[in-house]
Amino acid sequence: MKILYFAKLKQLIGKSEETICIERKKKISQVINELKKRNDVYNFAFKETNSLQYAVNCEYVDLDTFVTDSDELAIFPPVSGG
């Protein structure tokens, strides 16, 4: 699965995208939990998963959405504007 990181997440993790392999269908929350276990950087970046926005294949979704290895998951930090 291809994961795209934007804005602050991109800066914290140090890359704009990465590809991971998931063996079976999983919820986005499960994928995030696996990423958090990688190291302290990922754990910090995903500390507040409920405040992040997620899109699978260009459609906004929530943490309970299932993804497969062929999906593209985009993760956005909260956006504020003026």
N, C-alpha and C. Protein backbone atom coordinates (compact mmCIF):
# COMPACT_ATOMS: atom_id res chain seq x y z
N MET A 1 0.84 -1.16 0.00
CA MET A 1 0.00 0.00 0.00
C MET A 1 0.89 1.23 0.00
N LYS A 2 0.50 2.21 -0.77
CA LYS A 2 1.24 3.47 -0.80
C LYS A 2 0.62 4.42 0.22
N ILE A 3 1.47 5.02 1.05
CA ILE A 3 1.02 5.99 2.04
C ILE A 3 1.65 7.33 1.70
N LEU A 4 0.81 8.37 1.64
CA LEU A 4 1.27 9.72 1.35
C LEU A 4 1.14 10.57 2.61
N TYR A 5 2.19 11.32 2.93
CA TYR A 5 2.20 12.19 4.10
C TYR A 5 2.24 13.64 3.64
N PHE A 6 1.52 14.51 4.34
CA PHE A 6 1.45 15.91 3.96
C PHE A 6 1.78 16.83 5.14
N ALA A 7 2.27 18.03 4.78
CA ALA A 7 2.51 19.12 5.72
C ALA A 7 3.38 18.68 6.91
N LYS A 8 2.87 18.89 8.13
CA LYS A 8 3.65 18.61 9.34
C LYS A 8 4.05 17.13 9.43
N LEU A 9 3.18 16.24 9.01
CA LEU A 9 3.51 14.80 9.05
C LEU A 9 4.71 14.51 8.15
N LYS A 10 4.71 15.12 6.99
CA LYS A 10 5.83 14.94 6.05
C LYS A 10 7.13 15.40 6.68
N GLN A 11 7.09 16.53 7.39
CA GLN A 11 8.29 17.04 8.06
C GLN A 11 8.72 16.15 9.21
N LEU A 12 7.79 15.71 10.02
CA LEU A 12 8.12 14.87 11.17
C LEU A 12 8.71 13.52 10.75
N ILE A 13 8.06 12.88 9.78
CA ILE A 13 8.49 11.55 9.36
C ILE A 13 9.71 11.61 8.45
N GLY A 14 9.86 12.73 7.74
CA GLY A 14 11.03 12.91 6.89
C GLY A 14 10.89 12.38 5.48
N LYS A 15 9.65 12.12 5.08
CA LYS A 15 9.41 11.68 3.70
C LYS A 15 7.97 11.99 3.33
N SER A 16 7.74 12.12 2.05
CA SER A 16 6.40 12.45 1.58
C SER A 16 5.56 11.21 1.27
N GLU A 17 6.23 10.08 1.08
CA GLU A 17 5.49 8.85 0.81
C GLU A 17 6.34 7.64 1.12
N GLU A 18 5.66 6.53 1.28
CA GLU A 18 6.34 5.25 1.44
C GLU A 18 5.37 4.14 1.03
N THR A 19 5.92 3.00 0.73
CA THR A 19 5.12 1.85 0.37
C THR A 19 5.32 0.77 1.43
N ILE A 20 4.21 0.27 1.95
CA ILE A 20 4.26 -0.82 2.92
C ILE A 20 3.46 -2.00 2.37
N CYS A 21 3.73 -3.16 2.88
CA CYS A 21 3.01 -4.36 2.46
C CYS A 21 2.06 -4.76 3.58
N ILE A 22 0.79 -4.89 3.23
CA ILE A 22 -0.16 -5.43 4.20
C ILE A 22 -0.71 -6.73 3.61
N GLU A 23 -0.67 -7.76 4.40
CA GLU A 23 -1.02 -9.11 3.95
C GLU A 23 -2.51 -9.31 3.72
N ARG A 24 -3.32 -8.62 4.51
CA ARG A 24 -4.77 -8.81 4.43
C ARG A 24 -5.46 -7.46 4.64
N LYS A 25 -6.74 -7.44 4.42
CA LYS A 25 -7.51 -6.22 4.62
C LYS A 25 -7.42 -5.80 6.09
N LYS A 26 -7.15 -4.50 6.33
CA LYS A 26 -7.04 -3.97 7.69
C LYS A 26 -7.73 -2.62 7.77
N LYS A 27 -8.14 -2.27 8.99
CA LYS A 27 -8.66 -0.92 9.22
C LYS A 27 -7.48 0.06 9.20
N ILE A 28 -7.77 1.29 8.83
CA ILE A 28 -6.72 2.32 8.85
C ILE A 28 -6.14 2.44 10.25
N SER A 29 -6.97 2.34 11.27
CA SER A 29 -6.47 2.43 12.64
C SER A 29 -5.43 1.35 12.93
N GLN A 30 -5.60 0.16 12.37
CA GLN A 30 -4.62 -0.91 12.56
C GLN A 30 -3.31 -0.59 11.84
N VAL A 31 -3.41 -0.03 10.66
CA VAL A 31 -2.20 0.36 9.91
C VAL A 31 -1.44 1.43 10.68
N ILE A 32 -2.15 2.42 11.20
CA ILE A 32 -1.51 3.49 11.97
C ILE A 32 -0.84 2.92 13.21
N ASN A 33 -1.50 2.01 13.91
CA ASN A 33 -0.90 1.40 15.10
C ASN A 33 0.38 0.65 14.77
N GLU A 34 0.41 -0.01 13.62
CA GLU A 34 1.63 -0.70 13.20
C GLU A 34 2.75 0.30 12.89
N LEU A 35 2.40 1.40 12.26
CA LEU A 35 3.40 2.43 11.97
C LEU A 35 3.95 3.03 13.27
N LYS A 36 3.08 3.25 14.25
CA LYS A 36 3.51 3.83 15.53
C LYS A 36 4.53 2.94 16.24
N LYS A 37 4.46 1.64 16.01
CA LYS A 37 5.37 0.70 16.66
C LYS A 37 6.77 0.71 16.03
N ARG A 38 6.91 1.33 14.87
CA ARG A 38 8.21 1.35 14.19
C ARG A 38 9.29 2.04 15.01
N ASN A 39 8.99 3.25 15.48
CA ASN A 39 9.96 4.02 16.26
C ASN A 39 9.29 5.23 16.89
N ASP A 40 10.07 5.99 17.65
CA ASP A 40 9.53 7.15 18.36
C ASP A 40 9.04 8.25 17.42
N VAL A 41 9.66 8.37 16.25
CA VAL A 41 9.25 9.40 15.29
C VAL A 41 7.82 9.14 14.83
N TYR A 42 7.54 7.93 14.40
CA TYR A 42 6.18 7.58 13.97
C TYR A 42 5.21 7.67 15.14
N ASN A 43 5.61 7.21 16.29
CA ASN A 43 4.75 7.26 17.47
C ASN A 43 4.34 8.70 17.78
N PHE A 44 5.30 9.62 17.70
CA PHE A 44 5.00 11.03 17.96
C PHE A 44 4.13 11.61 16.84
N ALA A 45 4.46 11.31 15.59
CA ALA A 45 3.72 11.86 14.45
C ALA A 45 2.24 11.46 14.49
N PHE A 46 1.97 10.24 14.96
CA PHE A 46 0.60 9.75 14.98
C PHE A 46 0.00 9.73 16.38
N LYS A 47 0.51 10.58 17.25
CA LYS A 47 0.05 10.63 18.63
C LYS A 47 -1.45 10.93 18.72
N GLU A 48 -1.93 11.82 17.88
CA GLU A 48 -3.34 12.22 17.92
C GLU A 48 -4.03 11.82 16.62
N THR A 49 -4.23 10.53 16.45
CA THR A 49 -4.77 10.02 15.19
C THR A 49 -6.17 10.54 14.88
N ASN A 50 -6.95 10.85 15.90
CA ASN A 50 -8.32 11.32 15.66
C ASN A 50 -8.37 12.72 15.07
N SER A 51 -7.31 13.49 15.21
CA SER A 51 -7.31 14.84 14.65
C SER A 51 -6.80 14.87 13.21
N LEU A 52 -6.31 13.74 12.72
CA LEU A 52 -5.82 13.67 11.34
C LEU A 52 -6.97 13.36 10.39
N GLN A 53 -6.76 13.69 9.12
CA GLN A 53 -7.73 13.36 8.08
C GLN A 53 -7.13 12.29 7.18
N TYR A 54 -7.98 11.42 6.68
CA TYR A 54 -7.53 10.29 5.88
C TYR A 54 -8.32 10.24 4.58
N ALA A 55 -7.62 9.87 3.51
CA ALA A 55 -8.27 9.64 2.22
C ALA A 55 -7.72 8.35 1.63
N VAL A 56 -8.62 7.53 1.13
CA VAL A 56 -8.22 6.29 0.45
C VAL A 56 -8.66 6.43 -1.00
N ASN A 57 -7.67 6.32 -1.88
CA ASN A 57 -7.94 6.45 -3.31
C ASN A 57 -8.74 7.72 -3.62
N CYS A 58 -8.30 8.82 -3.00
CA CYS A 58 -8.85 10.18 -3.23
C CYS A 58 -10.25 10.41 -2.64
N GLU A 59 -10.70 9.56 -1.72
CA GLU A 59 -11.98 9.76 -1.05
C GLU A 59 -11.74 9.84 0.45
N TYR A 60 -12.28 10.90 1.09
CA TYR A 60 -12.12 11.05 2.53
C TYR A 60 -12.84 9.92 3.26
N VAL A 61 -12.15 9.38 4.28
CA VAL A 61 -12.67 8.24 5.04
C VAL A 61 -12.32 8.43 6.52
N ASP A 62 -12.77 7.50 7.36
CA ASP A 62 -12.41 7.55 8.78
C ASP A 62 -11.50 6.37 9.14
N LEU A 63 -11.10 6.33 10.40
CA LEU A 63 -10.16 5.32 10.87
C LEU A 63 -10.70 3.89 10.80
N ASP A 64 -12.01 3.73 10.72
CA ASP A 64 -12.60 2.39 10.67
C ASP A 64 -12.72 1.84 9.26
N THR A 65 -12.25 2.59 8.28
CA THR A 65 -12.30 2.15 6.88
C THR A 65 -11.24 1.08 6.65
N PHE A 66 -11.63 0.05 5.92
CA PHE A 66 -10.69 -1.03 5.58
C PHE A 66 -9.89 -0.65 4.34
N VAL A 67 -8.61 -1.04 4.35
CA VAL A 67 -7.72 -0.82 3.21
C VAL A 67 -7.05 -2.14 2.84
N THR A 68 -6.59 -2.20 1.60
CA THR A 68 -5.87 -3.38 1.12
C THR A 68 -4.52 -2.94 0.57
N ASP A 69 -3.72 -3.89 0.19
CA ASP A 69 -2.37 -3.62 -0.29
C ASP A 69 -2.36 -2.77 -1.56
N SER A 70 -3.43 -2.79 -2.34
CA SER A 70 -3.46 -2.04 -3.59
C SER A 70 -3.98 -0.61 -3.43
N ASP A 71 -4.35 -0.21 -2.21
CA ASP A 71 -4.89 1.13 -1.98
C ASP A 71 -3.80 2.18 -1.80
N GLU A 72 -4.21 3.43 -1.98
CA GLU A 72 -3.35 4.58 -1.67
C GLU A 72 -4.00 5.32 -0.51
N LEU A 73 -3.26 5.46 0.57
CA LEU A 73 -3.74 6.12 1.78
C LEU A 73 -3.02 7.45 1.93
N ALA A 74 -3.78 8.54 1.94
CA ALA A 74 -3.22 9.87 2.16
C ALA A 74 -3.59 10.31 3.57
N ILE A 75 -2.61 10.87 4.29
CA ILE A 75 -2.84 11.30 5.67
C ILE A 75 -2.49 12.77 5.79
N PHE A 76 -3.47 13.56 6.28
CA PHE A 76 -3.32 15.00 6.38
C PHE A 76 -3.44 15.44 7.84
N PRO A 77 -2.58 16.34 8.28
CA PRO A 77 -2.76 16.92 9.61
C PRO A 77 -3.90 17.93 9.57
N PRO A 78 -4.37 18.38 10.73
CA PRO A 78 -5.45 19.37 10.75
C PRO A 78 -5.02 20.62 9.98
N VAL A 79 -5.96 21.21 9.28
CA VAL A 79 -5.68 22.41 8.49
C VAL A 79 -6.44 23.57 9.11
N SER A 80 -5.75 24.66 9.29
CA SER A 80 -6.42 25.87 9.77
C SER A 80 -6.12 26.99 8.80
N GLY A 81 -6.99 27.91 8.76
CA GLY A 81 -6.80 29.01 7.82
C GLY A 81 -7.35 30.30 8.38
N GLY A 82 -7.11 31.34 7.65
CA GLY A 82 -7.59 32.62 8.13
C GLY A 82 -8.16 33.44 7.02
